[in-house]
Amino acid sequence: MASVTTSDSLLPADEHQQQLLELVRPLAAVRCPVEQSRGLRLAEQPKAQVDSPPFTNSAMDGYAVRSDDLAELPATLTVTDDLPAGARPTQSVEPGTAQRIMTGAMLPDGADCVVPVELTDAGTARVAVAEVVEAGQHIRRQGEDVVVGTGIGQAGQLLTPTVVASLVSLGVAEVSVTPAPRVAVISTGDELIESGSDLAAGKIFDSNSVLLEGLVSQAGAVCVIRASVNDEVENLRRVLTAASAEADLIVTAGGISAGAYEVVKQTLAESPGAWFGGVNIQPGKPQGFGLVNDVPVVTLPGNPVSVLVSFWLFVNPMLRRLAGAEMPVPERVSAQIADSVAAHSQRVRWQPAIRNGHSVVQPLPKGGSHMLSKAVGADCLIEVMPGESLPAGSHVNVMDFGIRP
């Protein structure tokens, strides 16, 4: 049977977070072309297949020369060749000569520096050099950045566009990655109707499944099912069973409080190890979880701001663990609040806010957990401890939505 805590026995948020994390493990690694790996995480460290740079080349548009020829200035040298980027030199730079060279072009044998065109008269048959350039200046040595065989990144690292591009530049064609978690989101309630329908008396539009679908995508996972189910146990059981065949994680909204029609709690009551109870947060006190065919089901309350807060506190760490993150729980950052925050005497409040610069956040107006409009634009949450009243300028703990290091 499911265990149910009472309203006066609230579980700390970090304890609930940990019991949810125990339900999941990183997904099995797969190999994929590096160009298709963006947004995933490395399952093992790839190694450079080529040096970077792969050959010694020019860092400037100018002339490849021997530095000895610049011992006495002004120096006039015979231009013997043009070297655009991508060309392979066909002759060496002999004493008294220069080769016109473009940025990125391979340095010809015999040359040990590049004279920037700005230090010359830009001649094409003969070039006059007005300033000294030392040996080694304005060239990029083969392997000065990375040598072949060097390990790049580490397991669990997020493959951002810069990481992917770096791997491509080092000749890595395929990587071992943890796939993106597949998630099913299900909202519950007889009152829910689809967007675009006629809004009959007593009905509301189903925004929760749309919200969860977007949050899942924002967290780097893939929403494979989005469904809305009425308050019939058999209907929900059927949808959960179907979802368990396609998803690594199922997230529900609604149906877990203390009312008479708590369909999620009723449906999962016999689920192995199921738990329902109160967590010491506001909004989002009612929480729970269970298993359907060994697939974890995280059950969130039904008010939309509660869904938003609960997702980032509890679902996102699970997605990060499934995706192979070394640190499933993102570190909270410190910031100053631009406006004051009123006290809440009973529970830890997580108030939606907007980043207002690197180290300043703007709290959004406090509203009921049903008032999603009050959270529009939120990109972080501010942690406010029970009884704490914070004046403007106070330092607070912040959970950023966009940070997935």
Protein backbone atom coordinates (compact mmCIF):
# COMPACT_ATOMS: atom_id res chain seq x y z
CA MET A 1 0.00 0.00 0.00
CA ALA A 2 1.06 3.57 -0.53
CA SER A 3 2.31 5.41 2.53
CA VAL A 4 0.64 8.73 3.30
CA THR A 5 2.02 11.37 5.64
CA THR A 6 -0.19 13.74 7.56
CA SER A 7 -0.31 17.49 6.99
CA ASP A 8 1.61 18.14 10.22
CA SER A 9 4.50 15.86 9.15
CA LEU A 10 6.12 17.62 6.23
CA LEU A 11 9.11 16.07 4.51
CA PRO A 12 12.07 18.40 3.83
CA ALA A 13 12.41 19.11 0.13
CA ASP A 14 15.93 17.69 -0.11
CA GLU A 15 14.77 14.39 1.42
CA HIS A 16 11.96 14.09 -1.11
CA GLN A 17 14.44 14.97 -3.83
CA GLN A 18 16.74 12.16 -2.72
CA GLN A 19 14.02 9.54 -2.55
CA LEU A 20 13.04 10.43 -6.10
CA LEU A 21 16.65 10.25 -7.30
CA GLU A 22 16.88 6.71 -5.91
CA LEU A 23 14.26 5.67 -8.46
CA VAL A 24 16.43 6.43 -11.50
CA ARG A 25 19.84 5.57 -12.93
CA PRO A 26 21.67 6.93 -16.01
CA LEU A 27 20.32 5.50 -19.25
CA ALA A 28 22.45 3.04 -21.21
CA ALA A 29 25.00 4.75 -23.44
CA VAL A 30 24.63 4.83 -27.22
CA ARG A 31 26.96 5.94 -30.00
CA CYS A 32 25.96 8.68 -32.38
CA PRO A 33 27.55 11.00 -34.96
CA VAL A 34 29.13 13.93 -33.16
CA GLU A 35 27.08 16.42 -35.20
CA GLN A 36 23.90 14.89 -33.72
CA SER A 37 25.11 14.93 -30.11
CA ARG A 38 24.34 18.54 -29.14
CA GLY A 39 22.33 18.74 -25.92
CA LEU A 40 23.30 15.21 -24.81
CA ARG A 41 25.97 14.25 -22.28
CA LEU A 42 29.17 12.33 -22.84
CA ALA A 43 29.09 8.77 -21.54
CA GLU A 44 32.84 8.36 -22.00
CA GLN A 45 35.73 10.67 -22.82
CA PRO A 46 36.58 10.93 -26.54
CA LYS A 47 40.18 11.41 -27.71
CA ALA A 48 41.57 13.82 -30.28
CA GLN A 49 42.14 12.10 -33.60
CA VAL A 50 44.29 14.89 -35.05
CA ASP A 51 46.51 17.65 -33.73
CA SER A 52 45.09 21.14 -33.29
CA PRO A 53 46.17 23.01 -35.29
CA PRO A 54 46.73 20.05 -37.64
CA PHE A 55 49.64 21.88 -39.31
CA THR A 56 51.72 24.99 -38.65
CA ASN A 57 49.92 27.94 -40.24
CA SER A 58 49.76 31.70 -40.46
CA ALA A 59 47.93 33.72 -37.81
CA MET A 60 47.82 36.80 -40.04
CA ASP A 61 47.38 37.94 -43.62
CA GLY A 62 50.88 38.89 -44.68
CA TYR A 63 54.16 37.36 -45.88
CA ALA A 64 55.94 34.17 -44.85
CA VAL A 65 59.62 35.04 -44.48
CA ARG A 66 62.91 34.09 -42.84
CA SER A 67 63.46 36.26 -39.78
CA ASP A 68 67.18 36.46 -40.66
CA ASP A 69 66.23 38.47 -43.75
CA LEU A 70 64.82 41.19 -41.48
CA ALA A 71 68.04 41.80 -39.56
CA GLU A 72 68.53 45.09 -41.42
CA LEU A 73 65.59 47.35 -42.22
CA PRO A 74 64.08 48.38 -44.46
CA ALA A 75 64.23 44.97 -46.14
CA THR A 76 63.01 44.30 -49.66
CA LEU A 77 62.20 40.70 -50.57
CA THR A 78 61.15 38.97 -53.77
CA VAL A 79 57.64 37.51 -53.63
CA THR A 80 57.75 34.00 -55.12
CA ASP A 81 54.29 32.56 -54.42
CA ASP A 82 50.79 33.17 -53.11
CA LEU A 83 49.39 30.87 -50.40
CA PRO A 84 45.62 31.05 -49.82
CA ALA A 85 44.07 29.07 -46.97
CA GLY A 86 43.67 25.44 -47.99
CA ALA A 87 46.62 25.45 -50.38
CA ARG A 88 49.66 23.22 -49.88
CA PRO A 89 53.00 25.04 -50.37
CA THR A 90 54.93 23.82 -53.39
CA GLN A 91 58.24 25.51 -52.69
CA SER A 92 60.39 26.61 -49.75
CA VAL A 93 61.10 30.18 -48.73
CA GLU A 94 64.69 30.81 -49.79
CA PRO A 95 66.93 33.59 -48.43
CA GLY A 96 65.90 36.99 -49.76
CA THR A 97 62.39 35.83 -50.71
CA ALA A 98 58.90 35.90 -49.24
CA GLN A 99 55.61 34.22 -50.01
CA ARG A 100 52.35 36.08 -49.68
CA ILE A 101 50.19 34.12 -47.21
CA MET A 102 46.63 34.32 -45.92
CA THR A 103 45.39 33.62 -42.38
CA GLY A 104 45.16 29.87 -41.79
CA ALA A 105 47.34 28.91 -44.74
CA MET A 106 50.07 26.31 -44.19
CA LEU A 107 53.45 27.83 -43.44
CA PRO A 108 55.97 26.87 -46.17
CA ASP A 109 59.29 25.26 -45.36
CA GLY A 110 62.09 27.73 -44.73
CA ALA A 111 59.83 30.41 -43.20
CA ASP A 112 59.93 30.92 -39.44
CA CYS A 113 57.61 33.93 -39.06
CA VAL A 114 54.91 35.94 -40.80
CA VAL A 115 55.11 39.68 -41.42
CA PRO A 116 51.61 41.21 -41.16
CA VAL A 117 50.63 43.01 -44.34
CA GLU A 118 50.17 46.20 -42.26
CA LEU A 119 53.96 46.32 -41.72
CA THR A 120 54.71 46.24 -45.46
CA ASP A 121 53.97 48.11 -48.64
CA ALA A 122 51.71 45.18 -49.70
CA GLY A 123 53.78 44.51 -52.79
CA THR A 124 52.96 41.56 -55.05
CA ALA A 125 56.23 41.12 -56.96
CA ARG A 126 58.54 42.61 -54.35
CA VAL A 127 57.63 43.57 -50.81
CA ALA A 128 59.24 46.17 -48.55
CA VAL A 129 59.22 45.37 -44.83
CA ALA A 130 59.46 48.33 -42.44
CA GLU A 131 59.52 46.69 -38.99
CA VAL A 132 61.27 43.77 -37.31
CA VAL A 133 59.37 40.53 -36.84
CA GLU A 134 60.98 37.89 -34.65
CA ALA A 135 61.19 34.17 -35.34
CA GLY A 136 57.96 32.43 -34.29
CA GLN A 137 55.79 35.56 -34.47
CA HIS A 138 52.34 35.40 -36.07
CA ILE A 139 52.38 31.65 -36.64
CA ARG A 140 50.35 28.85 -35.06
CA ARG A 141 52.40 25.75 -34.34
CA GLN A 142 51.02 22.30 -35.11
CA GLY A 143 49.53 20.78 -31.94
CA GLU A 144 50.01 23.89 -29.80
CA ASP A 145 46.37 23.63 -28.67
CA VAL A 146 45.79 19.84 -28.53
CA VAL A 147 47.89 16.87 -29.63
CA VAL A 148 46.46 13.66 -31.05
CA GLY A 149 45.35 11.20 -28.36
CA THR A 150 44.47 13.85 -25.78
CA GLY A 151 41.25 13.16 -23.90
CA ILE A 152 38.58 15.80 -24.51
CA GLY A 153 35.93 16.62 -21.94
CA GLN A 154 34.73 14.08 -19.40
CA ALA A 155 31.86 11.69 -18.81
CA GLY A 156 28.72 13.58 -17.85
CA GLN A 157 29.73 16.77 -19.66
CA LEU A 158 26.98 18.51 -21.57
CA LEU A 159 27.66 18.64 -25.29
CA THR A 160 27.16 22.33 -25.99
CA PRO A 161 27.67 23.80 -29.48
CA THR A 162 31.26 24.79 -28.60
CA VAL A 163 32.09 21.33 -27.26
CA VAL A 164 30.64 19.66 -30.36
CA ALA A 165 32.51 22.02 -32.69
CA SER A 166 35.75 21.41 -30.78
CA LEU A 167 35.32 17.65 -31.15
CA VAL A 168 34.69 18.02 -34.88
CA SER A 169 37.85 20.14 -35.23
CA LEU A 170 39.81 17.35 -33.52
CA GLY A 171 38.63 14.70 -35.96
CA VAL A 172 36.13 13.03 -33.63
CA ALA A 173 33.36 11.64 -35.83
CA GLU A 174 31.35 9.62 -33.30
CA VAL A 175 30.81 9.87 -29.54
CA SER A 176 29.38 7.70 -26.78
CA VAL A 177 26.51 9.59 -25.16
CA THR A 178 23.67 9.10 -22.73
CA PRO A 179 20.44 9.52 -24.72
CA ALA A 180 17.89 12.16 -23.88
CA PRO A 181 15.32 10.84 -21.37
CA ARG A 182 11.89 10.10 -22.78
CA VAL A 183 9.10 11.56 -20.67
CA ALA A 184 5.33 11.15 -20.61
CA VAL A 185 3.31 14.01 -19.09
CA ILE A 186 -0.26 13.46 -17.95
CA SER A 187 -2.65 16.01 -16.47
CA THR A 188 -5.74 14.78 -14.61
CA GLY A 189 -9.17 16.10 -13.80
CA ASP A 190 -12.76 16.01 -15.04
CA GLU A 191 -12.58 19.77 -15.37
CA LEU A 192 -9.91 19.80 -18.08
CA ILE A 193 -10.61 20.47 -21.75
CA GLU A 194 -8.27 20.92 -24.70
CA SER A 195 -7.23 24.35 -25.92
CA GLY A 196 -9.59 25.61 -28.61
CA SER A 197 -12.67 23.89 -27.19
CA ASP A 198 -15.73 25.78 -26.01
CA LEU A 199 -15.26 26.64 -22.34
CA ALA A 200 -18.35 25.18 -20.70
CA ALA A 201 -19.34 25.99 -17.12
CA GLY A 202 -17.08 24.32 -14.57
CA LYS A 203 -14.33 23.55 -17.12
CA ILE A 204 -10.80 24.94 -17.53
CA PHE A 205 -8.28 24.63 -20.33
CA ASP A 206 -5.55 22.05 -19.79
CA SER A 207 -2.47 24.23 -19.42
CA ASN A 208 -0.58 21.83 -17.12
CA SER A 209 0.26 19.25 -19.76
CA VAL A 210 1.40 22.04 -22.09
CA LEU A 211 3.51 23.54 -19.31
CA LEU A 212 5.10 20.18 -18.46
CA GLU A 213 5.80 19.41 -22.11
CA GLY A 214 7.66 22.71 -22.42
CA LEU A 215 9.56 22.25 -19.17
CA VAL A 216 10.63 18.76 -20.22
CA SER A 217 12.00 20.14 -23.48
CA GLN A 218 13.69 23.05 -21.69
CA ALA A 219 15.42 20.54 -19.40
CA GLY A 220 16.89 18.69 -22.40
CA ALA A 221 14.55 15.68 -22.39
CA VAL A 222 12.00 14.52 -24.97
CA CYS A 223 8.26 14.49 -24.31
CA VAL A 224 6.98 11.32 -26.01
CA ILE A 225 3.40 11.49 -24.68
CA ARG A 226 1.22 14.42 -23.61
CA ALA A 227 -2.20 13.39 -22.34
CA SER A 228 -5.14 14.60 -20.29
CA VAL A 229 -7.21 12.07 -18.33
CA ASN A 230 -10.46 12.42 -16.41
CA ASP A 231 -10.99 11.29 -12.82
CA GLU A 232 -11.62 7.65 -13.72
CA VAL A 233 -9.13 5.22 -12.24
CA GLU A 234 -9.38 2.73 -15.09
CA ASN A 235 -8.77 5.43 -17.70
CA LEU A 236 -5.69 6.68 -15.88
CA ARG A 237 -4.40 3.15 -15.32
CA ARG A 238 -4.70 2.46 -19.06
CA VAL A 239 -2.84 5.66 -19.98
CA LEU A 240 -0.10 5.01 -17.41
CA THR A 241 0.39 1.46 -18.68
CA ALA A 242 0.72 2.70 -22.27
CA ALA A 243 3.11 5.45 -21.18
CA SER A 244 5.32 2.98 -19.30
CA ALA A 245 6.03 1.20 -22.59
CA GLU A 246 7.45 4.35 -24.19
CA ALA A 247 8.86 6.56 -21.43
CA ASP A 248 11.77 6.48 -19.01
CA LEU A 249 9.84 8.74 -16.62
CA ILE A 250 6.17 9.64 -16.21
CA VAL A 251 5.07 12.95 -14.68
CA THR A 252 1.49 13.61 -13.63
CA ALA A 253 -0.24 16.80 -12.49
CA GLY A 254 -3.21 16.80 -10.14
CA GLY A 255 -5.11 14.11 -8.30
CA ILE A 256 -2.88 13.71 -5.22
CA SER A 257 -4.29 16.03 -2.57
CA ALA A 258 -6.82 15.33 0.19
CA GLY A 259 -10.02 15.65 -1.81
CA ALA A 260 -12.62 13.04 -2.67
CA TYR A 261 -11.53 12.53 -6.29
CA GLU A 262 -7.76 12.11 -6.08
CA VAL A 263 -7.45 9.80 -9.08
CA VAL A 264 -3.65 9.58 -9.19
CA LYS A 265 -3.38 8.60 -5.53
CA GLN A 266 -6.16 6.03 -5.95
CA THR A 267 -4.60 4.55 -9.07
CA LEU A 268 -1.08 4.22 -7.65
CA ALA A 269 -2.15 3.14 -4.16
CA GLU A 270 -1.06 -0.45 -4.84
CA SER A 271 2.12 0.59 -6.69
CA PRO A 272 5.28 -0.93 -5.18
CA GLY A 273 6.93 1.55 -2.82
CA ALA A 274 4.48 4.33 -3.62
CA TRP A 275 4.54 7.39 -1.38
CA PHE A 276 2.18 10.32 -1.02
CA GLY A 277 2.51 13.13 1.47
CA GLY A 278 3.36 16.71 2.21
CA VAL A 279 6.69 18.37 1.45
CA ASN A 280 7.87 21.50 3.20
CA ILE A 281 7.59 23.87 0.24
CA GLN A 282 5.16 26.54 -0.87
CA PRO A 283 3.69 26.21 -3.43
CA GLY A 284 3.67 22.47 -4.05
CA LYS A 285 3.07 20.84 -0.67
CA PRO A 286 1.29 17.66 -1.94
CA GLN A 287 3.78 15.34 -3.63
CA GLY A 288 4.11 11.65 -4.40
CA PHE A 289 5.56 8.91 -6.57
CA GLY A 290 5.05 5.32 -7.61
CA LEU A 291 6.05 2.77 -10.23
CA VAL A 292 4.20 1.42 -13.25
CA ASN A 293 5.94 -1.55 -14.86
CA ASP A 294 9.15 -0.40 -13.15
CA VAL A 295 8.90 3.06 -14.74
CA PRO A 296 8.94 5.85 -12.10
CA VAL A 297 5.87 8.06 -11.88
CA VAL A 298 6.39 11.46 -10.24
CA THR A 299 3.08 12.90 -9.10
CA LEU A 300 2.86 16.69 -8.84
CA PRO A 301 0.01 18.82 -7.49
CA GLY A 302 -2.46 20.36 -9.90
CA ASN A 303 -2.06 24.11 -9.50
CA PRO A 304 0.17 25.38 -12.35
CA VAL A 305 2.64 27.42 -10.26
CA SER A 306 3.01 24.35 -8.03
CA VAL A 307 3.76 22.35 -11.16
CA LEU A 308 6.44 24.85 -12.19
CA VAL A 309 8.14 24.87 -8.79
CA SER A 310 7.85 21.10 -8.31
CA PHE A 311 9.30 20.39 -11.72
CA TRP A 312 12.52 22.30 -11.09
CA LEU A 313 12.90 21.03 -7.54
CA PHE A 314 12.13 17.38 -8.13
CA VAL A 315 11.71 16.35 -11.77
CA ASN A 316 14.69 18.16 -13.26
CA PRO A 317 17.23 16.39 -11.00
CA MET A 318 15.75 13.04 -12.06
CA LEU A 319 16.08 13.99 -15.72
CA ARG A 320 19.67 15.05 -15.15
CA ARG A 321 20.51 11.72 -13.53
CA LEU A 322 18.83 9.80 -16.36
CA ALA A 323 20.81 11.91 -18.84
CA GLY A 324 24.13 11.10 -17.14
CA ALA A 325 24.90 14.35 -15.31
CA GLU A 326 27.62 13.96 -12.69
CA MET A 327 25.72 16.35 -10.40
CA PRO A 328 21.99 15.65 -10.78
CA VAL A 329 21.04 18.44 -8.38
CA PRO A 330 22.23 21.76 -9.83
CA GLU A 331 24.12 24.00 -7.47
CA ARG A 332 22.17 26.95 -6.20
CA VAL A 333 23.71 30.34 -6.82
CA SER A 334 23.72 33.44 -4.66
CA ALA A 335 22.19 36.68 -5.88
CA GLN A 336 20.70 39.91 -4.59
CA ILE A 337 17.01 40.65 -4.86
CA ALA A 338 15.99 43.88 -6.52
CA ASP A 339 12.76 44.24 -4.49
CA SER A 340 11.72 43.15 -1.02
CA VAL A 341 10.10 39.77 -0.37
CA ALA A 342 7.45 39.36 2.32
CA ALA A 343 7.67 36.62 4.93
CA HIS A 344 5.86 33.29 4.77
CA SER A 345 5.48 31.83 8.25
CA GLN A 346 4.88 28.13 7.61
CA ARG A 347 6.91 26.60 4.76
CA VAL A 348 9.96 27.25 2.60
CA ARG A 349 8.71 29.37 -0.28
CA TRP A 350 10.17 29.11 -3.76
CA GLN A 351 9.17 32.34 -5.46
CA PRO A 352 9.40 32.72 -9.24
CA ALA A 353 11.77 35.48 -10.31
CA ILE A 354 13.56 36.92 -13.32
CA ARG A 355 17.28 37.42 -13.71
CA ASN A 356 18.00 41.14 -13.68
CA GLY A 357 21.69 41.04 -14.44
CA HIS A 358 24.42 38.58 -13.54
CA SER A 359 23.97 38.73 -9.76
CA VAL A 360 20.58 40.39 -9.27
CA VAL A 361 17.12 38.83 -9.50
CA GLN A 362 13.73 40.49 -9.70
CA PRO A 363 11.06 38.69 -7.62
CA LEU A 364 7.76 38.37 -9.43
CA PRO A 365 4.58 39.46 -7.65
CA LYS A 366 3.38 36.86 -5.19
CA GLY A 367 0.07 35.24 -6.11
CA GLY A 368 -1.90 32.08 -5.53
CA SER A 369 -0.50 28.81 -6.86
CA HIS A 370 -3.29 28.86 -9.47
CA MET A 371 -2.13 32.22 -10.87
CA LEU A 372 0.24 31.18 -13.63
CA SER A 373 0.20 34.72 -15.04
CA LYS A 374 2.20 35.80 -11.98
CA ALA A 375 5.04 33.48 -13.06
CA VAL A 376 5.22 34.53 -16.71
CA GLY A 377 8.81 35.23 -17.69
CA ALA A 378 10.28 33.45 -14.66
CA ASP A 379 13.73 31.98 -15.30
CA CYS A 380 14.66 31.15 -11.71
CA LEU A 381 13.29 30.53 -8.23
CA ILE A 382 14.19 32.39 -5.02
CA GLU A 383 14.40 30.37 -1.79
CA VAL A 384 12.66 32.14 1.10
CA MET A 385 12.88 30.46 4.50
CA PRO A 386 9.86 30.28 6.87
CA GLY A 387 9.29 33.56 8.69
CA GLU A 388 11.96 35.30 6.62
CA SER A 389 11.21 38.82 5.40
CA LEU A 390 13.82 40.05 2.94
CA PRO A 391 14.48 43.72 2.16
CA ALA A 392 15.69 44.75 -1.28
CA GLY A 393 19.39 44.00 -1.72
CA SER A 394 19.30 40.87 0.44
CA HIS A 395 21.34 37.89 -0.69
CA VAL A 396 19.26 34.80 -1.49
CA ASN A 397 19.72 31.30 -2.85
CA VAL A 398 18.58 31.06 -6.46
CA MET A 399 17.76 28.05 -8.60
CA ASP A 400 18.30 28.93 -12.26
CA PHE A 401 16.12 27.20 -14.85
CA GLY A 402 18.64 27.65 -17.63
CA ILE A 403 21.76 26.37 -15.83
CA ARG A 404 22.62 22.70 -16.69
CA PRO A 405 26.35 22.47 -16.16
